[in-house]
Amino acid sequence: MEIERRFRIVSPIPKEIFSEKEMFHIKQGYGKKIRVRKRGEKCFMTIKEGKGLVRKEWEVEIPEWVFRKIWSGTEGRQLEKDRYVIPYHNHSIEFDVYKGSLAPLMILECEFVDEEDAKQFVLPEWAKDAIEVTNDDRYSNRSLATYGLPKS
């Protein structure tokens, strides 16, 4: 089970937010029902069901040759981004900076242990004017990889 909220960043972010933070380059591609992801040197295959705040998720690490084989079949449904992991209270914020045709999109996401935890989450001061997109399917990574940036 995955409980996650997502926010689109609309204002410039102070550069010091990223300094000395863990960062991964991520490549994601989408098939009909699966996602493949290369995060740093590790590769994963994921199946997600549902939309919005609470979704079912199954993920397994796969060998790179399997990633490459599936990746080649996701042409036209791929994206790349840099992910910064930012400690914040008792959470880890994942801050995605999209590359290529999705630039300059930036999305902040945070996973939670339960729905009450998610409801109580308050954005950090540096992201206080971010717009929540948790329930906006246009900002799902699958949609971004397939259709690009939303028009509005």
C-alpha atoms as a PDB file:
ATOM      1  CA  MET A   1       0.000   0.000   0.000  1.00  0.00           C
ATOM      2  CA  GLU A   2       1.255   3.463  -0.869  1.00  0.00           C
ATOM      3  CA  ILE A   3      -0.075   6.619   0.780  1.00  0.00           C
ATOM      4  CA  GLU A   4       1.424   9.648  -0.940  1.00  0.00           C
ATOM      5  CA  ARG A   5       0.747  13.340  -1.489  1.00  0.00           C
ATOM      6  CA  ARG A   6       2.232  15.241  -4.429  1.00  0.00           C
ATOM      7  CA  PHE A   7       2.725  18.995  -4.971  1.00  0.00           C
ATOM      8  CA  ARG A   8       3.754  21.046  -8.020  1.00  0.00           C
ATOM      9  CA  ILE A   9       6.362  23.653  -7.157  1.00  0.00           C
ATOM     10  CA  VAL A  10       5.488  27.084  -8.550  1.00  0.00           C
ATOM     11  CA  SER A  11       8.110  29.397  -6.996  1.00  0.00           C
ATOM     12  CA  PRO A  12      11.900  29.321  -7.160  1.00  0.00           C
ATOM     13  CA  ILE A  13      13.495  27.050  -4.572  1.00  0.00           C
ATOM     14  CA  PRO A  14      16.555  28.245  -2.607  1.00  0.00           C
ATOM     15  CA  LYS A  15      19.641  26.363  -3.866  1.00  0.00           C
ATOM     16  CA  GLU A  16      20.721  25.518  -0.317  1.00  0.00           C
ATOM     17  CA  ILE A  17      17.710  23.171  -0.067  1.00  0.00           C
ATOM     18  CA  PHE A  18      19.565  20.816  -2.440  1.00  0.00           C
ATOM     19  CA  SER A  19      23.074  21.136  -1.024  1.00  0.00           C
ATOM     20  CA  GLU A  20      24.468  17.963   0.515  1.00  0.00           C
ATOM     21  CA  LYS A  21      21.217  16.066  -0.117  1.00  0.00           C
ATOM     22  CA  GLU A  22      21.064  12.550  -1.482  1.00  0.00           C
ATOM     23  CA  MET A  23      20.324  12.701  -5.234  1.00  0.00           C
ATOM     24  CA  PHE A  24      19.465   9.998  -7.765  1.00  0.00           C
ATOM     25  CA  HIS A  25      19.066  10.253 -11.529  1.00  0.00           C
ATOM     26  CA  ILE A  26      15.921   8.345 -12.484  1.00  0.00           C
ATOM     27  CA  LYS A  27      14.741   6.963 -15.815  1.00  0.00           C
ATOM     28  CA  GLN A  28      11.163   5.653 -15.930  1.00  0.00           C
ATOM     29  CA  GLY A  29       9.258   3.968 -18.724  1.00  0.00           C
ATOM     30  CA  TYR A  30       5.667   2.744 -18.798  1.00  0.00           C
ATOM     31  CA  GLY A  31       4.072  -0.320 -20.329  1.00  0.00           C
ATOM     32  CA  LYS A  32       0.360  -1.102 -20.231  1.00  0.00           C
ATOM     33  CA  LYS A  33       0.358  -2.153 -16.584  1.00  0.00           C
ATOM     34  CA  ILE A  34       3.937  -1.809 -15.375  1.00  0.00           C
ATOM     35  CA  ARG A  35       6.584   0.799 -14.744  1.00  0.00           C
ATOM     36  CA  VAL A  36      10.294   0.177 -15.043  1.00  0.00           C
ATOM     37  CA  ARG A  37      12.676   2.478 -13.233  1.00  0.00           C
ATOM     38  CA  LYS A  38      16.417   2.879 -13.106  1.00  0.00           C
ATOM     39  CA  ARG A  39      17.396   4.779  -9.958  1.00  0.00           C
ATOM     40  CA  GLY A  40      21.124   5.276  -9.841  1.00  0.00           C
ATOM     41  CA  GLU A  41      22.574   1.816 -10.472  1.00  0.00           C
ATOM     42  CA  LYS A  42      19.505  -0.158  -9.349  1.00  0.00           C
ATOM     43  CA  CYS A  43      16.567  -1.180 -11.529  1.00  0.00           C
ATOM     44  CA  PHE A  44      12.970  -1.886 -10.496  1.00  0.00           C
ATOM     45  CA  MET A  45       9.679  -3.047 -11.939  1.00  0.00           C
ATOM     46  CA  THR A  46       6.494  -1.703 -10.339  1.00  0.00           C
ATOM     47  CA  ILE A  47       2.774  -2.338 -10.626  1.00  0.00           C
ATOM     48  CA  LYS A  48       0.424   0.257  -9.157  1.00  0.00           C
ATOM     49  CA  GLU A  49      -3.349   0.089  -8.851  1.00  0.00           C
ATOM     50  CA  GLY A  50      -5.686   2.939  -8.035  1.00  0.00           C
ATOM     51  CA  LYS A  51      -5.438   6.718  -8.080  1.00  0.00           C
ATOM     52  CA  GLY A  52      -5.128   9.541  -5.599  1.00  0.00           C
ATOM     53  CA  LEU A  53      -3.857   9.447  -2.036  1.00  0.00           C
ATOM     54  CA  VAL A  54      -3.986   5.689  -1.350  1.00  0.00           C
ATOM     55  CA  ARG A  55      -2.906   3.120  -3.971  1.00  0.00           C
ATOM     56  CA  LYS A  56      -1.788  -0.478  -4.065  1.00  0.00           C
ATOM     57  CA  GLU A  57       1.845  -0.854  -5.082  1.00  0.00           C
ATOM     58  CA  TRP A  58       4.056  -3.857  -5.766  1.00  0.00           C
ATOM     59  CA  GLU A  59       7.739  -3.315  -6.584  1.00  0.00           C
ATOM     60  CA  VAL A  60      10.644  -5.677  -7.145  1.00  0.00           C
ATOM     61  CA  GLU A  61      14.302  -5.097  -7.979  1.00  0.00           C
ATOM     62  CA  ILE A  62      15.258  -6.485 -11.403  1.00  0.00           C
ATOM     63  CA  PRO A  63      18.568  -7.058 -13.202  1.00  0.00           C
ATOM     64  CA  GLU A  64      19.687  -4.268 -15.545  1.00  0.00           C
ATOM     65  CA  TRP A  65      19.345  -6.507 -18.622  1.00  0.00           C
ATOM     66  CA  VAL A  66      15.638  -6.973 -17.790  1.00  0.00           C
ATOM     67  CA  PHE A  67      15.258  -3.209 -17.360  1.00  0.00           C
ATOM     68  CA  ARG A  68      16.883  -2.594 -20.777  1.00  0.00           C
ATOM     69  CA  LYS A  69      14.645  -5.179 -22.452  1.00  0.00           C
ATOM     70  CA  ILE A  70      11.440  -3.670 -21.044  1.00  0.00           C
ATOM     71  CA  TRP A  71      12.717  -0.061 -21.458  1.00  0.00           C
ATOM     72  CA  SER A  72      13.021  -0.527 -25.219  1.00  0.00           C
ATOM     73  CA  GLY A  73       9.276  -1.269 -25.327  1.00  0.00           C
ATOM     74  CA  THR A  74       8.312   1.948 -23.499  1.00  0.00           C
ATOM     75  CA  GLU A  75       9.349   4.386 -26.235  1.00  0.00           C
ATOM     76  CA  GLY A  76       7.010   7.386 -26.228  1.00  0.00           C
ATOM     77  CA  ARG A  77       6.171   6.752 -22.543  1.00  0.00           C
ATOM     78  CA  GLN A  78       9.448   7.633 -20.820  1.00  0.00           C
ATOM     79  CA  LEU A  79      10.742  10.383 -18.571  1.00  0.00           C
ATOM     80  CA  GLU A  80      13.920  11.378 -16.753  1.00  0.00           C
ATOM     81  CA  LYS A  81      14.337  13.351 -13.565  1.00  0.00           C
ATOM     82  CA  ASP A  82      16.731  14.040 -10.738  1.00  0.00           C
ATOM     83  CA  ARG A  83      15.351  13.113  -7.332  1.00  0.00           C
ATOM     84  CA  TYR A  84      16.626  14.807  -4.183  1.00  0.00           C
ATOM     85  CA  VAL A  85      15.824  13.182  -0.843  1.00  0.00           C
ATOM     86  CA  ILE A  86      15.243  15.869   1.772  1.00  0.00           C
ATOM     87  CA  PRO A  87      14.748  14.970   5.446  1.00  0.00           C
ATOM     88  CA  TYR A  88      11.789  16.869   6.889  1.00  0.00           C
ATOM     89  CA  HIS A  89      10.561  16.257  10.436  1.00  0.00           C
ATOM     90  CA  ASN A  90       9.735  12.540  10.580  1.00  0.00           C
ATOM     91  CA  HIS A  91       9.410  12.255   6.781  1.00  0.00           C
ATOM     92  CA  SER A  92      11.608  12.129   3.707  1.00  0.00           C
ATOM     93  CA  ILE A  93      10.506  14.495   0.977  1.00  0.00           C
ATOM     94  CA  GLU A  94      11.323  13.359  -2.543  1.00  0.00           C
ATOM     95  CA  PHE A  95      11.880  16.420  -4.707  1.00  0.00           C
ATOM     96  CA  ASP A  96      11.826  15.654  -8.449  1.00  0.00           C
ATOM     97  CA  VAL A  97      13.377  17.979 -11.029  1.00  0.00           C
ATOM     98  CA  TYR A  98      12.218  16.824 -14.449  1.00  0.00           C
ATOM     99  CA  LYS A  99      14.460  16.789 -17.529  1.00  0.00           C
ATOM    100  CA  GLY A 100      13.959  17.153 -21.278  1.00  0.00           C
ATOM    101  CA  SER A 101      10.522  18.184 -22.515  1.00  0.00           C
ATOM    102  CA  LEU A 102       9.134  18.102 -18.947  1.00  0.00           C
ATOM    103  CA  ALA A 103      11.553  20.782 -17.690  1.00  0.00           C
ATOM    104  CA  PRO A 104      11.143  23.022 -15.726  1.00  0.00           C
ATOM    105  CA  LEU A 105       8.534  20.929 -13.856  1.00  0.00           C
ATOM    106  CA  MET A 106       9.352  20.231 -10.197  1.00  0.00           C
ATOM    107  CA  ILE A 107       7.245  17.942  -8.012  1.00  0.00           C
ATOM    108  CA  LEU A 108       7.544  17.419  -4.268  1.00  0.00           C
ATOM    109  CA  GLU A 109       6.143  14.145  -2.965  1.00  0.00           C
ATOM    110  CA  CYS A 110       5.961  12.557   0.429  1.00  0.00           C
ATOM    111  CA  GLU A 111       4.847   9.089   1.534  1.00  0.00           C
ATOM    112  CA  PHE A 112       3.023   8.454   4.793  1.00  0.00           C
ATOM    113  CA  VAL A 113       2.407   5.613   7.209  1.00  0.00           C
ATOM    114  CA  ASP A 114      -1.361   6.191   7.248  1.00  0.00           C
ATOM    115  CA  GLU A 115      -4.036   8.588   6.008  1.00  0.00           C
ATOM    116  CA  GLU A 116      -4.086  10.574   9.255  1.00  0.00           C
ATOM    117  CA  ASP A 117      -0.349  11.227   8.903  1.00  0.00           C
ATOM    118  CA  ALA A 118      -0.972  12.405   5.332  1.00  0.00           C
ATOM    119  CA  LYS A 119      -3.774  14.758   6.395  1.00  0.00           C
ATOM    120  CA  GLN A 120      -1.588  16.374   9.069  1.00  0.00           C
ATOM    121  CA  PHE A 121       1.346  17.012   6.719  1.00  0.00           C
ATOM    122  CA  VAL A 122       2.356  20.675   6.405  1.00  0.00           C
ATOM    123  CA  LEU A 123       4.642  21.753   3.574  1.00  0.00           C
ATOM    124  CA  PRO A 124       8.032  23.208   4.461  1.00  0.00           C
ATOM    125  CA  GLU A 125       8.188  27.002   4.439  1.00  0.00           C
ATOM    126  CA  TRP A 126      10.244  27.034   1.205  1.00  0.00           C
ATOM    127  CA  ALA A 127       7.415  25.191  -0.607  1.00  0.00           C
ATOM    128  CA  LYS A 128       4.418  26.820   1.090  1.00  0.00           C
ATOM    129  CA  ASP A 129       2.829  28.038  -2.172  1.00  0.00           C
ATOM    130  CA  ALA A 130       3.104  24.674  -3.954  1.00  0.00           C
ATOM    131  CA  ILE A 131      -0.092  23.389  -5.557  1.00  0.00           C
ATOM    132  CA  GLU A 132      -1.323  19.951  -4.518  1.00  0.00           C
ATOM    133  CA  VAL A 133      -1.664  17.591  -7.500  1.00  0.00           C
ATOM    134  CA  THR A 134      -2.251  14.323  -5.611  1.00  0.00           C
ATOM    135  CA  ASN A 135      -5.635  13.829  -7.291  1.00  0.00           C
ATOM    136  CA  ASP A 136      -4.763  15.448 -10.629  1.00  0.00           C
ATOM    137  CA  ASP A 137      -4.044  12.541 -12.971  1.00  0.00           C
ATOM    138  CA  ARG A 138      -2.356  14.905 -15.460  1.00  0.00           C
ATOM    139  CA  TYR A 139       0.601  15.062 -13.049  1.00  0.00           C
ATOM    140  CA  SER A 140       0.994  11.319 -12.549  1.00  0.00           C
ATOM    141  CA  ASN A 141       4.348  10.183 -13.875  1.00  0.00           C
ATOM    142  CA  ARG A 142       2.580   7.831 -16.308  1.00  0.00           C
ATOM    143  CA  SER A 143       0.580  10.738 -17.754  1.00  0.00           C
ATOM    144  CA  LEU A 144       3.618  13.047 -17.877  1.00  0.00           C
ATOM    145  CA  ALA A 145       5.643  10.358 -19.681  1.00  0.00           C
ATOM    146  CA  THR A 146       2.841   9.693 -22.170  1.00  0.00           C
ATOM    147  CA  TYR A 147       1.270  13.118 -22.798  1.00  0.00           C
ATOM    148  CA  GLY A 148       3.829  15.647 -21.559  1.00  0.00           C
ATOM    149  CA  LEU A 149       3.186  18.752 -19.497  1.00  0.00           C
ATOM    150  CA  PRO A 150      -0.457  19.666 -18.868  1.00  0.00           C
ATOM    151  CA  LYS A 151      -1.647  22.682 -20.873  1.00  0.00           C
ATOM    152  CA  SER A 152      -2.989  24.553 -17.844  1.00  0.00           C
END
